Amino acid sequence: MAFNVTGVEEGEWAVLRVSGELDLMTSPVLRQRVHDVVAEGSHSLVVDLSDVFFCDSSGVGVLIAARRLIRSCQGRLRLILPDRGAEDGSHVNRVLGALGVRRLFDVHPDLDSATTDEAGPLSA
């Protein structure tokens, strides 16, 4: 599967859908797309990682940098990390948990809950 990042608008939220491997070679693409979204004036961002099947430390670094950037704009960042029925959920979820940084993110199981203000995040 090729790496791809597509953007859509969902109400007040900019949504970046990421698919493929998020690694040293592809993470700069996601970093640039996050910067582009913020430069265009959107400070409410959802990063949908449902179709990411591999994530290394450079991918995690991009997510942490995105969090820092959005927070500096008093914005909101939410991640979509669905539970696929596996013991620990998605690969990205396991990586974030293993590195001890999952608690830094507002994580949701799907787009509907991520873009609805009434919905609370999944517990870490």
C-alpha atoms as a PDB file:
ATOM      1  CA  MET A   1       0.000   0.000   0.000  1.00  0.00           C
ATOM      2  CA  ALA A   2       1.367   3.412  -0.981  1.00  0.00           C
ATOM      3  CA  PHE A   3       1.524   6.208   1.567  1.00  0.00           C
ATOM      4  CA  ASN A   4      -1.193   8.805   1.107  1.00  0.00           C
ATOM      5  CA  VAL A   5      -2.582  11.821   2.950  1.00  0.00           C
ATOM      6  CA  THR A   6      -5.895  13.281   1.856  1.00  0.00           C
ATOM      7  CA  GLY A   7      -7.680  16.250   3.333  1.00  0.00           C
ATOM      8  CA  VAL A   8     -11.380  16.954   3.749  1.00  0.00           C
ATOM      9  CA  GLU A   9     -13.504  19.359   5.768  1.00  0.00           C
ATOM     10  CA  GLU A  10     -15.979  18.022   8.313  1.00  0.00           C
ATOM     11  CA  GLY A  11     -17.852  21.009   9.710  1.00  0.00           C
ATOM     12  CA  GLU A  12     -15.361  23.164  11.584  1.00  0.00           C
ATOM     13  CA  TRP A  13     -12.747  20.382  11.497  1.00  0.00           C
ATOM     14  CA  ALA A  14      -9.998  19.814   8.947  1.00  0.00           C
ATOM     15  CA  VAL A  15      -9.515  16.069   8.571  1.00  0.00           C
ATOM     16  CA  LEU A  16      -6.312  14.478   7.291  1.00  0.00           C
ATOM     17  CA  ARG A  17      -6.766  10.815   6.363  1.00  0.00           C
ATOM     18  CA  VAL A  18      -3.465   8.960   6.428  1.00  0.00           C
ATOM     19  CA  SER A  19      -2.851   5.540   4.910  1.00  0.00           C
ATOM     20  CA  GLY A  20       0.163   3.284   4.497  1.00  0.00           C
ATOM     21  CA  GLU A  21       3.419   3.345   6.450  1.00  0.00           C
ATOM     22  CA  LEU A  22       4.230   6.410   8.544  1.00  0.00           C
ATOM     23  CA  ASP A  23       8.009   6.255   8.719  1.00  0.00           C
ATOM     24  CA  LEU A  24      11.214   8.191   8.097  1.00  0.00           C
ATOM     25  CA  MET A  25      10.523   8.464   4.369  1.00  0.00           C
ATOM     26  CA  THR A  26       6.846   9.444   4.580  1.00  0.00           C
ATOM     27  CA  SER A  27       6.537  11.439   7.806  1.00  0.00           C
ATOM     28  CA  PRO A  28       7.745  14.702   6.163  1.00  0.00           C
ATOM     29  CA  VAL A  29       4.662  14.542   3.912  1.00  0.00           C
ATOM     30  CA  LEU A  30       2.323  14.434   6.910  1.00  0.00           C
ATOM     31  CA  ARG A  31       4.321  17.153   8.673  1.00  0.00           C
ATOM     32  CA  GLN A  32       3.926  19.435   5.648  1.00  0.00           C
ATOM     33  CA  ARG A  33       0.203  18.733   5.340  1.00  0.00           C
ATOM     34  CA  VAL A  34      -0.323  19.620   9.023  1.00  0.00           C
ATOM     35  CA  HIS A  35       1.604  22.869   8.526  1.00  0.00           C
ATOM     36  CA  ASP A  36      -0.451  23.639   5.403  1.00  0.00           C
ATOM     37  CA  VAL A  37      -3.730  23.131   7.289  1.00  0.00           C
ATOM     38  CA  VAL A  38      -2.627  25.480  10.066  1.00  0.00           C
ATOM     39  CA  ALA A  39      -1.292  28.056   7.570  1.00  0.00           C
ATOM     40  CA  GLU A  40      -4.708  28.022   5.874  1.00  0.00           C
ATOM     41  CA  GLY A  41      -6.247  29.059   9.207  1.00  0.00           C
ATOM     42  CA  SER A  42      -7.689  25.805  10.493  1.00  0.00           C
ATOM     43  CA  HIS A  43      -6.864  25.146  14.136  1.00  0.00           C
ATOM     44  CA  SER A  44      -9.235  22.212  14.642  1.00  0.00           C
ATOM     45  CA  LEU A  45      -7.574  19.159  13.155  1.00  0.00           C
ATOM     46  CA  VAL A  46      -8.416  15.471  13.092  1.00  0.00           C
ATOM     47  CA  VAL A  47      -5.719  13.054  11.930  1.00  0.00           C
ATOM     48  CA  ASP A  48      -7.335   9.791  10.883  1.00  0.00           C
ATOM     49  CA  LEU A  49      -4.770   7.019  11.341  1.00  0.00           C
ATOM     50  CA  SER A  50      -7.241   4.179  10.710  1.00  0.00           C
ATOM     51  CA  ASP A  51      -5.376   2.965   7.634  1.00  0.00           C
ATOM     52  CA  VAL A  52      -1.821   3.343   8.946  1.00  0.00           C
ATOM     53  CA  PHE A  53      -0.424  -0.152   9.358  1.00  0.00           C
ATOM     54  CA  PHE A  54       3.108   0.827  10.456  1.00  0.00           C
ATOM     55  CA  CYS A  55       4.450   3.794  12.420  1.00  0.00           C
ATOM     56  CA  ASP A  56       8.029   4.339  13.569  1.00  0.00           C
ATOM     57  CA  SER A  57       9.528   6.951  15.884  1.00  0.00           C
ATOM     58  CA  SER A  58       9.681   9.578  13.118  1.00  0.00           C
ATOM     59  CA  GLY A  59       5.927   9.196  12.636  1.00  0.00           C
ATOM     60  CA  VAL A  60       5.380   9.581  16.368  1.00  0.00           C
ATOM     61  CA  GLY A  61       7.602  12.666  16.237  1.00  0.00           C
ATOM     62  CA  VAL A  62       5.364  14.202  13.580  1.00  0.00           C
ATOM     63  CA  LEU A  63       2.279  13.572  15.723  1.00  0.00           C
ATOM     64  CA  ILE A  64       3.933  15.170  18.758  1.00  0.00           C
ATOM     65  CA  ALA A  65       5.077  18.145  16.653  1.00  0.00           C
ATOM     66  CA  ALA A  66       1.531  18.509  15.282  1.00  0.00           C
ATOM     67  CA  ARG A  67       0.200  18.546  18.834  1.00  0.00           C
ATOM     68  CA  ARG A  68       2.700  21.227  19.804  1.00  0.00           C
ATOM     69  CA  LEU A  69       1.853  23.352  16.743  1.00  0.00           C
ATOM     70  CA  ILE A  70      -1.912  23.110  17.246  1.00  0.00           C
ATOM     71  CA  ARG A  71      -1.583  23.900  20.963  1.00  0.00           C
ATOM     72  CA  SER A  72       0.515  26.984  20.139  1.00  0.00           C
ATOM     73  CA  CYS A  73      -2.488  28.234  18.111  1.00  0.00           C
ATOM     74  CA  GLN A  74      -4.933  27.400  20.941  1.00  0.00           C
ATOM     75  CA  GLY A  75      -6.380  24.798  18.587  1.00  0.00           C
ATOM     76  CA  ARG A  76      -7.601  21.234  18.950  1.00  0.00           C
ATOM     77  CA  LEU A  77      -5.996  18.045  17.658  1.00  0.00           C
ATOM     78  CA  ARG A  78      -7.763  14.702  17.698  1.00  0.00           C
ATOM     79  CA  LEU A  79      -6.517  11.345  16.472  1.00  0.00           C
ATOM     80  CA  ILE A  80      -8.626   8.508  15.130  1.00  0.00           C
ATOM     81  CA  LEU A  81      -7.233   5.160  16.279  1.00  0.00           C
ATOM     82  CA  PRO A  82      -9.952   2.542  15.907  1.00  0.00           C
ATOM     83  CA  ASP A  83     -10.079  -0.624  17.934  1.00  0.00           C
ATOM     84  CA  ARG A  84      -9.894  -3.400  15.378  1.00  0.00           C
ATOM     85  CA  GLY A  85     -10.830  -6.047  17.909  1.00  0.00           C
ATOM     86  CA  ALA A  86      -7.191  -6.742  18.674  1.00  0.00           C
ATOM     87  CA  GLU A  87      -6.078  -6.824  22.254  1.00  0.00           C
ATOM     88  CA  ASP A  88      -4.351  -3.438  22.049  1.00  0.00           C
ATOM     89  CA  GLY A  89      -6.093  -1.911  19.019  1.00  0.00           C
ATOM     90  CA  SER A  90      -4.249  -0.473  16.027  1.00  0.00           C
ATOM     91  CA  HIS A  91      -0.495  -0.572  15.435  1.00  0.00           C
ATOM     92  CA  VAL A  92      -0.208   3.196  15.974  1.00  0.00           C
ATOM     93  CA  ASN A  93      -2.106   2.860  19.236  1.00  0.00           C
ATOM     94  CA  ARG A  94       0.347   0.188  20.433  1.00  0.00           C
ATOM     95  CA  VAL A  95       3.364   2.293  19.404  1.00  0.00           C
ATOM     96  CA  LEU A  96       2.062   5.405  21.175  1.00  0.00           C
ATOM     97  CA  GLY A  97       1.300   3.321  24.263  1.00  0.00           C
ATOM     98  CA  ALA A  98       4.703   1.623  24.264  1.00  0.00           C
ATOM     99  CA  LEU A  99       6.446   4.997  24.065  1.00  0.00           C
ATOM    100  CA  GLY A 100       4.267   6.386  26.863  1.00  0.00           C
ATOM    101  CA  VAL A 101       2.886   9.266  24.768  1.00  0.00           C
ATOM    102  CA  ARG A 102      -0.650   8.078  24.001  1.00  0.00           C
ATOM    103  CA  ARG A 103      -1.960  10.019  26.985  1.00  0.00           C
ATOM    104  CA  LEU A 104      -0.871  13.246  25.259  1.00  0.00           C
ATOM    105  CA  PHE A 105      -3.484  12.818  22.552  1.00  0.00           C
ATOM    106  CA  ASP A 106      -7.257  13.138  22.363  1.00  0.00           C
ATOM    107  CA  VAL A 107      -8.006   9.735  20.791  1.00  0.00           C
ATOM    108  CA  HIS A 108     -11.318   8.696  19.219  1.00  0.00           C
ATOM    109  CA  PRO A 109     -12.497   5.471  17.548  1.00  0.00           C
ATOM    110  CA  ASP A 110     -14.112   7.079  14.487  1.00  0.00           C
ATOM    111  CA  LEU A 111     -14.725  10.314  12.608  1.00  0.00           C
ATOM    112  CA  ASP A 112     -18.170  10.938  14.106  1.00  0.00           C
ATOM    113  CA  SER A 113     -16.919  10.938  17.683  1.00  0.00           C
ATOM    114  CA  ALA A 114     -13.793  12.911  16.759  1.00  0.00           C
ATOM    115  CA  THR A 115     -15.782  15.741  15.175  1.00  0.00           C
ATOM    116  CA  THR A 116     -18.530  15.900  17.807  1.00  0.00           C
ATOM    117  CA  ASP A 117     -17.787  18.143  20.758  1.00  0.00           C
ATOM    118  CA  GLU A 118     -20.153  16.273  23.065  1.00  0.00           C
ATOM    119  CA  ALA A 119     -18.195  13.036  22.707  1.00  0.00           C
ATOM    120  CA  GLY A 120     -15.421  12.429  25.179  1.00  0.00           C
ATOM    121  CA  PRO A 121     -12.112  10.893  24.160  1.00  0.00           C
ATOM    122  CA  LEU A 122     -11.288   7.240  24.701  1.00  0.00           C
ATOM    123  CA  SER A 123      -9.518   6.680  27.973  1.00  0.00           C
ATOM    124  CA  ALA A 124      -5.790   6.096  27.804  1.00  0.00           C
END
